[in-house]
Amino acid sequence: MKIYPSELHEYAYCPRYYFFHVHLGRRLTLREKLRMLLGRLFHWAKGVPDRLKGRHVEEAIEVEVGSGIVLRGRPDSFEVGPESVLVIERKSGRGPRRGVWISDSTQASAYAFMLARLLDARDVKIRVEYASKARSASLDEEKVYRLLKIIDEIILVREYGIVPYAKRSPRRCARCPFREICELLDKEKGDLEIYEPGSWLADTDIDLSFT
C-alpha cells in the first residue's frame, strides 16, 4: 500500500472528509480546478530560485514504514547538508496567526521523516512558507508520533472502511462537499458511543512548535 503526504494532510484537516473522499470520490468544481492550476503555477515560480540555489525541487522519494506500507511523495523543496536536511513546504494561503496549520505540519513532517530515513540525517529542519510569512521547526518525536498514528488510522479507513471522526468547525463544514451526508450519518448514529479514529485530532488545528 502506498500512502502519500497529501493524504496525511487531508486526514489531519478532517478525518471524516478523508473517508468520504476515498470511498465516494467526487468531481472537482471549476473553482477547485482553477485553484489547483494557480497552485501549480505558484509552486513552479517558487521552484526556480530554489534550483538556482542548488536545492532539490519536487523529487520523488519513498520509504517503507511498515510491512508492505510505503510512504511516497514529492517535497516542494529540500536542501541537504553534511548531516542535516531542510525541508520546505509551500502553501499559497495566509496561514494562522501563530504556528502553522496542523495539516500543513503533518504533510511537511512526512517529507522530513522520509528524508531523515533515506539520508540518515540527525538534524532535520522544516520550514512552512505561506504567502506572507514562513515558520520553522525541527522534526521531533511528537511530529513523528502524530505522523505514524495517522498512517495507522488511514489503513483502517482505506482497507476496512472504518468511519473516522468528523472534525467540525463552522468554516470547515460550510465549505465541505460532503456536509449533508456527514450530518445524516451522525443523525443515524445518534448517541451511540462508537470508537472513531481521529478523535484525538478534535482540538488540534495549529502546531505551535513552528515559530
C-alpha atoms as a PDB file:
ATOM      1  CA  MET A   1       0.000   0.000   0.000  1.00  0.00           C
ATOM      2  CA  LYS A   2       1.263   3.443  -0.932  1.00  0.00           C
ATOM      3  CA  ILE A   3       0.343   6.421   1.247  1.00  0.00           C
ATOM      4  CA  TYR A   4       1.042   9.977   0.145  1.00  0.00           C
ATOM      5  CA  PRO A   5       1.777  13.029   2.327  1.00  0.00           C
ATOM      6  CA  SER A   6      -1.172  14.797   0.686  1.00  0.00           C
ATOM      7  CA  GLU A   7      -3.415  12.102   2.202  1.00  0.00           C
ATOM      8  CA  LEU A   8      -1.932  12.757   5.632  1.00  0.00           C
ATOM      9  CA  HIS A   9      -2.671  16.451   5.105  1.00  0.00           C
ATOM     10  CA  GLU A  10      -6.280  15.694   4.214  1.00  0.00           C
ATOM     11  CA  TYR A  11      -6.755  13.350   7.184  1.00  0.00           C
ATOM     12  CA  ALA A  12      -5.320  15.876   9.645  1.00  0.00           C
ATOM     13  CA  TYR A  13      -7.628  18.541   8.171  1.00  0.00           C
ATOM     14  CA  CYS A  14     -10.687  16.317   8.776  1.00  0.00           C
ATOM     15  CA  PRO A  15     -10.609  12.503   9.090  1.00  0.00           C
ATOM     16  CA  ARG A  16     -14.263  12.186   8.013  1.00  0.00           C
ATOM     17  CA  TYR A  17     -13.634  14.274   4.878  1.00  0.00           C
ATOM     18  CA  TYR A  18     -10.789  11.909   4.001  1.00  0.00           C
ATOM     19  CA  PHE A  19     -13.098   8.901   4.457  1.00  0.00           C
ATOM     20  CA  PHE A  20     -15.725  10.288   2.076  1.00  0.00           C
ATOM     21  CA  HIS A  21     -13.120  11.363  -0.471  1.00  0.00           C
ATOM     22  CA  VAL A  22     -11.585   7.857  -0.522  1.00  0.00           C
ATOM     23  CA  HIS A  23     -14.792   5.832  -0.598  1.00  0.00           C
ATOM     24  CA  LEU A  24     -17.170   8.102  -2.506  1.00  0.00           C
ATOM     25  CA  GLY A  25     -14.878  10.232  -4.634  1.00  0.00           C
ATOM     26  CA  ARG A  26     -16.159  13.346  -6.338  1.00  0.00           C
ATOM     27  CA  ARG A  27     -15.599  15.643  -9.292  1.00  0.00           C
ATOM     28  CA  LEU A  28     -13.723  18.858  -8.714  1.00  0.00           C
ATOM     29  CA  THR A  29     -15.632  22.084  -9.216  1.00  0.00           C
ATOM     30  CA  LEU A  30     -14.397  24.666 -11.716  1.00  0.00           C
ATOM     31  CA  ARG A  31     -13.248  26.849  -8.816  1.00  0.00           C
ATOM     32  CA  GLU A  32     -11.245  23.990  -7.320  1.00  0.00           C
ATOM     33  CA  LYS A  33      -9.632  23.213 -10.679  1.00  0.00           C
ATOM     34  CA  LEU A  34      -8.665  26.858 -11.029  1.00  0.00           C
ATOM     35  CA  ARG A  35      -7.169  26.885  -7.527  1.00  0.00           C
ATOM     36  CA  MET A  36      -5.161  23.760  -8.363  1.00  0.00           C
ATOM     37  CA  LEU A  37      -3.844  25.389 -11.534  1.00  0.00           C
ATOM     38  CA  LEU A  38      -2.878  28.552  -9.664  1.00  0.00           C
ATOM     39  CA  GLY A  39      -1.229  26.393  -7.003  1.00  0.00           C
ATOM     40  CA  ARG A  40       0.892  24.635  -9.608  1.00  0.00           C
ATOM     41  CA  LEU A  41       1.954  27.978 -11.077  1.00  0.00           C
ATOM     42  CA  PHE A  42       2.789  29.229  -7.582  1.00  0.00           C
ATOM     43  CA  HIS A  43       4.989  26.209  -6.848  1.00  0.00           C
ATOM     44  CA  TRP A  44       6.666  26.360 -10.251  1.00  0.00           C
ATOM     45  CA  ALA A  45       7.568  30.041  -9.762  1.00  0.00           C
ATOM     46  CA  LYS A  46       8.926  29.377  -6.268  1.00  0.00           C
ATOM     47  CA  GLY A  47      10.927  26.411  -7.550  1.00  0.00           C
ATOM     48  CA  VAL A  48      13.012  28.489  -9.988  1.00  0.00           C
ATOM     49  CA  PRO A  49      15.154  30.267  -7.346  1.00  0.00           C
ATOM     50  CA  ASP A  50      15.392  27.008  -5.402  1.00  0.00           C
ATOM     51  CA  ARG A  51      17.030  25.310  -8.360  1.00  0.00           C
ATOM     52  CA  LEU A  52      19.448  28.213  -8.728  1.00  0.00           C
ATOM     53  CA  LYS A  53      20.413  27.705  -5.073  1.00  0.00           C
ATOM     54  CA  GLY A  54      21.114  24.025  -5.709  1.00  0.00           C
ATOM     55  CA  ARG A  55      18.099  22.737  -3.803  1.00  0.00           C
ATOM     56  CA  HIS A  56      16.170  19.619  -4.789  1.00  0.00           C
ATOM     57  CA  VAL A  57      12.748  20.526  -6.189  1.00  0.00           C
ATOM     58  CA  GLU A  58       9.777  18.124  -6.316  1.00  0.00           C
ATOM     59  CA  GLU A  59      11.953  14.997  -6.464  1.00  0.00           C
ATOM     60  CA  ALA A  60      10.105  11.724  -5.841  1.00  0.00           C
ATOM     61  CA  ILE A  61      11.130   9.937  -2.633  1.00  0.00           C
ATOM     62  CA  GLU A  62       9.733   6.968  -0.761  1.00  0.00           C
ATOM     63  CA  VAL A  63      10.414   4.864   2.329  1.00  0.00           C
ATOM     64  CA  GLU A  64       8.868   1.750   3.824  1.00  0.00           C
ATOM     65  CA  VAL A  65       7.177   2.472   7.142  1.00  0.00           C
ATOM     66  CA  GLY A  66       5.799  -0.988   7.821  1.00  0.00           C
ATOM     67  CA  SER A  67       5.239  -4.365   6.250  1.00  0.00           C
ATOM     68  CA  GLY A  68       4.063  -3.524   2.739  1.00  0.00           C
ATOM     69  CA  ILE A  69       3.332   0.120   3.675  1.00  0.00           C
ATOM     70  CA  VAL A  70       5.246   2.694   1.619  1.00  0.00           C
ATOM     71  CA  LEU A  71       5.217   6.444   2.184  1.00  0.00           C
ATOM     72  CA  ARG A  72       5.800   8.229  -1.106  1.00  0.00           C
ATOM     73  CA  GLY A  73       5.805  11.856  -2.205  1.00  0.00           C
ATOM     74  CA  ARG A  74       7.485  14.874  -3.750  1.00  0.00           C
ATOM     75  CA  PRO A  75       8.625  17.614  -1.348  1.00  0.00           C
ATOM     76  CA  ASP A  76       8.268  21.132  -2.712  1.00  0.00           C
ATOM     77  CA  SER A  77      11.948  21.693  -1.995  1.00  0.00           C
ATOM     78  CA  PHE A  78      14.717  20.351   0.216  1.00  0.00           C
ATOM     79  CA  GLU A  79      18.339  21.153   0.919  1.00  0.00           C
ATOM     80  CA  VAL A  80      20.917  18.614   2.085  1.00  0.00           C
ATOM     81  CA  GLY A  81      23.921  19.452   4.289  1.00  0.00           C
ATOM     82  CA  PRO A  82      26.675  17.183   5.700  1.00  0.00           C
ATOM     83  CA  GLU A  83      24.405  15.767   8.448  1.00  0.00           C
ATOM     84  CA  SER A  84      21.355  17.957   8.072  1.00  0.00           C
ATOM     85  CA  VAL A  85      18.262  18.397   5.923  1.00  0.00           C
ATOM     86  CA  LEU A  86      15.986  21.392   5.423  1.00  0.00           C
ATOM     87  CA  VAL A  87      12.511  20.606   4.083  1.00  0.00           C
ATOM     88  CA  ILE A  88      10.461  23.443   2.607  1.00  0.00           C
ATOM     89  CA  GLU A  89       6.709  23.105   2.252  1.00  0.00           C
ATOM     90  CA  ARG A  90       4.895  25.947   0.489  1.00  0.00           C
ATOM     91  CA  LYS A  91       1.254  26.956   0.764  1.00  0.00           C
ATOM     92  CA  SER A  92      -0.355  29.789  -1.182  1.00  0.00           C
ATOM     93  CA  GLY A  93      -2.721  30.678   1.685  1.00  0.00           C
ATOM     94  CA  ARG A  94      -2.083  33.052   4.584  1.00  0.00           C
ATOM     95  CA  GLY A  95      -1.740  30.546   7.393  1.00  0.00           C
ATOM     96  CA  PRO A  96      -2.711  31.061  11.059  1.00  0.00           C
ATOM     97  CA  ARG A  97      -1.564  33.999  13.183  1.00  0.00           C
ATOM     98  CA  ARG A  98       0.716  31.736  15.221  1.00  0.00           C
ATOM     99  CA  GLY A  99       2.355  28.449  14.301  1.00  0.00           C
ATOM    100  CA  VAL A 100       1.193  26.515  11.226  1.00  0.00           C
ATOM    101  CA  TRP A 101      -1.928  24.542  10.419  1.00  0.00           C
ATOM    102  CA  ILE A 102      -1.668  21.005  11.789  1.00  0.00           C
ATOM    103  CA  SER A 103      -2.440  19.598   8.328  1.00  0.00           C
ATOM    104  CA  ASP A 104       0.492  21.536   6.826  1.00  0.00           C
ATOM    105  CA  SER A 105       2.760  20.464   9.680  1.00  0.00           C
ATOM    106  CA  THR A 106       1.790  16.819   9.158  1.00  0.00           C
ATOM    107  CA  GLN A 107       2.460  16.904   5.415  1.00  0.00           C
ATOM    108  CA  ALA A 108       5.808  18.651   5.832  1.00  0.00           C
ATOM    109  CA  SER A 109       6.770  16.284   8.671  1.00  0.00           C
ATOM    110  CA  ALA A 110       6.112  13.329   6.373  1.00  0.00           C
ATOM    111  CA  TYR A 111       8.678  14.618   3.870  1.00  0.00           C
ATOM    112  CA  ALA A 112      11.122  15.356   6.683  1.00  0.00           C
ATOM    113  CA  PHE A 113      10.634  11.860   8.113  1.00  0.00           C
ATOM    114  CA  MET A 114      11.270  10.233   4.731  1.00  0.00           C
ATOM    115  CA  LEU A 115      14.446  12.233   4.117  1.00  0.00           C
ATOM    116  CA  ALA A 116      15.707  11.560   7.644  1.00  0.00           C
ATOM    117  CA  ARG A 117      15.338   7.832   6.966  1.00  0.00           C
ATOM    118  CA  LEU A 118      16.843   7.945   3.478  1.00  0.00           C
ATOM    119  CA  LEU A 119      19.819  10.173   4.320  1.00  0.00           C
ATOM    120  CA  ASP A 120      20.362   9.092   7.934  1.00  0.00           C
ATOM    121  CA  ALA A 121      20.237  12.796   8.855  1.00  0.00           C
ATOM    122  CA  ARG A 122      20.454  13.770  12.523  1.00  0.00           C
ATOM    123  CA  ASP A 123      19.399  17.391  12.193  1.00  0.00           C
ATOM    124  CA  VAL A 124      16.152  17.772  10.239  1.00  0.00           C
ATOM    125  CA  LYS A 125      14.526  21.171   9.971  1.00  0.00           C
ATOM    126  CA  ILE A 126      11.125  22.002   8.482  1.00  0.00           C
ATOM    127  CA  ARG A 127      10.024  25.336   7.063  1.00  0.00           C
ATOM    128  CA  VAL A 128       6.424  26.004   6.078  1.00  0.00           C
ATOM    129  CA  GLU A 129       6.132  29.052   3.847  1.00  0.00           C
ATOM    130  CA  TYR A 130       2.796  30.820   3.447  1.00  0.00           C
ATOM    131  CA  ALA A 131       2.049  33.724   1.121  1.00  0.00           C
ATOM    132  CA  SER A 132       3.248  36.365   3.579  1.00  0.00           C
ATOM    133  CA  LYS A 133       5.218  34.523   6.261  1.00  0.00           C
ATOM    134  CA  ALA A 134       7.382  31.492   6.964  1.00  0.00           C
ATOM    135  CA  ARG A 135       7.684  29.438  10.140  1.00  0.00           C
ATOM    136  CA  SER A 136      10.244  26.794  11.107  1.00  0.00           C
ATOM    137  CA  ALA A 137      10.599  23.861  13.489  1.00  0.00           C
ATOM    138  CA  SER A 138      12.629  20.698  13.958  1.00  0.00           C
ATOM    139  CA  LEU A 139      11.383  17.196  13.246  1.00  0.00           C
ATOM    140  CA  ASP A 140      10.809  15.848  16.759  1.00  0.00           C
ATOM    141  CA  GLU A 141       9.282  12.799  18.447  1.00  0.00           C
ATOM    142  CA  GLU A 142       5.849  14.403  18.733  1.00  0.00           C
ATOM    143  CA  LYS A 143       5.644  15.076  14.985  1.00  0.00           C
ATOM    144  CA  VAL A 144       6.835  11.556  14.149  1.00  0.00           C
ATOM    145  CA  TYR A 145       4.339  10.024  16.594  1.00  0.00           C
ATOM    146  CA  ARG A 146       1.466  12.012  15.060  1.00  0.00           C
ATOM    147  CA  LEU A 147       2.582  11.043  11.567  1.00  0.00           C
ATOM    148  CA  LEU A 148       2.756   7.311  12.322  1.00  0.00           C
ATOM    149  CA  LYS A 149      -0.559   7.360  14.182  1.00  0.00           C
ATOM    150  CA  ILE A 150      -2.293   8.966  11.201  1.00  0.00           C
ATOM    151  CA  ILE A 151      -0.744   6.348   8.889  1.00  0.00           C
ATOM    152  CA  ASP A 152      -2.182   3.577  11.116  1.00  0.00           C
ATOM    153  CA  GLU A 153      -5.624   5.178  11.031  1.00  0.00           C
ATOM    154  CA  ILE A 154      -5.520   5.742   7.272  1.00  0.00           C
ATOM    155  CA  ILE A 155      -5.019   1.993   6.871  1.00  0.00           C
ATOM    156  CA  LEU A 156      -8.158   1.367   8.963  1.00  0.00           C
ATOM    157  CA  VAL A 157     -10.140   3.824   6.848  1.00  0.00           C
ATOM    158  CA  ARG A 158      -8.869   2.704   3.447  1.00  0.00           C
ATOM    159  CA  GLU A 159      -8.710  -1.056   3.955  1.00  0.00           C
ATOM    160  CA  TYR A 160     -11.529  -1.712   6.428  1.00  0.00           C
ATOM    161  CA  GLY A 161     -13.909   1.174   5.770  1.00  0.00           C
ATOM    162  CA  ILE A 162     -13.996   2.309   9.392  1.00  0.00           C
ATOM    163  CA  VAL A 163     -15.714   5.681   9.635  1.00  0.00           C
ATOM    164  CA  PRO A 164     -13.490   8.219  11.416  1.00  0.00           C
ATOM    165  CA  TYR A 165     -14.171  11.339  13.427  1.00  0.00           C
ATOM    166  CA  ALA A 166     -15.716  14.455  11.878  1.00  0.00           C
ATOM    167  CA  LYS A 167     -13.531  17.407  12.818  1.00  0.00           C
ATOM    168  CA  ARG A 168     -16.196  20.072  12.821  1.00  0.00           C
ATOM    169  CA  SER A 169     -15.973  23.836  12.620  1.00  0.00           C
ATOM    170  CA  PRO A 170     -18.389  26.353  11.035  1.00  0.00           C
ATOM    171  CA  ARG A 171     -15.839  27.348   8.386  1.00  0.00           C
ATOM    172  CA  ARG A 172     -14.677  23.817   7.614  1.00  0.00           C
ATOM    173  CA  CYS A 173     -18.162  22.326   7.413  1.00  0.00           C
ATOM    174  CA  ALA A 174     -19.645  25.212   5.397  1.00  0.00           C
ATOM    175  CA  ARG A 175     -17.288  24.534   2.502  1.00  0.00           C
ATOM    176  CA  CYS A 176     -17.369  20.719   2.710  1.00  0.00           C
ATOM    177  CA  PRO A 177     -18.997  18.951  -0.284  1.00  0.00           C
ATOM    178  CA  PHE A 178     -19.907  16.002   1.977  1.00  0.00           C
ATOM    179  CA  ARG A 179     -21.653  18.048   4.673  1.00  0.00           C
ATOM    180  CA  GLU A 180     -25.166  16.677   4.120  1.00  0.00           C
ATOM    181  CA  ILE A 181     -24.197  13.017   4.121  1.00  0.00           C
ATOM    182  CA  CYS A 182     -21.902  13.592   7.097  1.00  0.00           C
ATOM    183  CA  GLU A 183     -24.722  15.170   9.128  1.00  0.00           C
ATOM    184  CA  LEU A 184     -27.070  12.361   8.107  1.00  0.00           C
ATOM    185  CA  LEU A 185     -24.524   9.778   9.223  1.00  0.00           C
ATOM    186  CA  ASP A 186     -24.235  11.392  12.661  1.00  0.00           C
ATOM    187  CA  LYS A 187     -28.025  11.620  12.950  1.00  0.00           C
ATOM    188  CA  GLU A 188     -28.352   7.879  12.239  1.00  0.00           C
ATOM    189  CA  LYS A 189     -25.622   7.123  14.736  1.00  0.00           C
ATOM    190  CA  GLY A 190     -27.393   9.117  17.429  1.00  0.00           C
ATOM    191  CA  ASP A 191     -25.828   8.989  20.881  1.00  0.00           C
ATOM    192  CA  LEU A 192     -24.141   5.638  20.403  1.00  0.00           C
ATOM    193  CA  GLU A 193     -20.640   5.504  21.872  1.00  0.00           C
ATOM    194  CA  ILE A 194     -18.619   4.413  18.838  1.00  0.00           C
ATOM    195  CA  TYR A 195     -14.856   4.458  18.563  1.00  0.00           C
ATOM    196  CA  GLU A 196     -13.923   6.941  15.880  1.00  0.00           C
ATOM    197  CA  PRO A 197     -10.306   7.095  14.666  1.00  0.00           C
ATOM    198  CA  GLY A 198      -9.052  10.651  14.503  1.00  0.00           C
ATOM    199  CA  SER A 199     -10.997  11.886  17.543  1.00  0.00           C
ATOM    200  CA  TRP A 200      -7.661  12.771  19.161  1.00  0.00           C
ATOM    201  CA  LEU A 201      -7.362  15.497  16.484  1.00  0.00           C
ATOM    202  CA  ALA A 202     -10.529  17.213  17.748  1.00  0.00           C
ATOM    203  CA  ASP A 203      -8.886  20.226  19.348  1.00  0.00           C
ATOM    204  CA  THR A 204      -5.742  20.197  17.238  1.00  0.00           C
ATOM    205  CA  ASP A 205      -5.771  22.785  14.464  1.00  0.00           C
ATOM    206  CA  ILE A 206      -2.454  24.576  14.931  1.00  0.00           C
ATOM    207  CA  ASP A 207       1.087  23.325  15.549  1.00  0.00           C
ATOM    208  CA  LEU A 208       2.658  25.959  17.794  1.00  0.00           C
ATOM    209  CA  SER A 209       6.109  24.372  17.702  1.00  0.00           C
ATOM    210  CA  PHE A 210       6.683  26.347  14.497  1.00  0.00           C
ATOM    211  CA  THR A 211       7.994  29.856  15.139  1.00  0.00           C
END
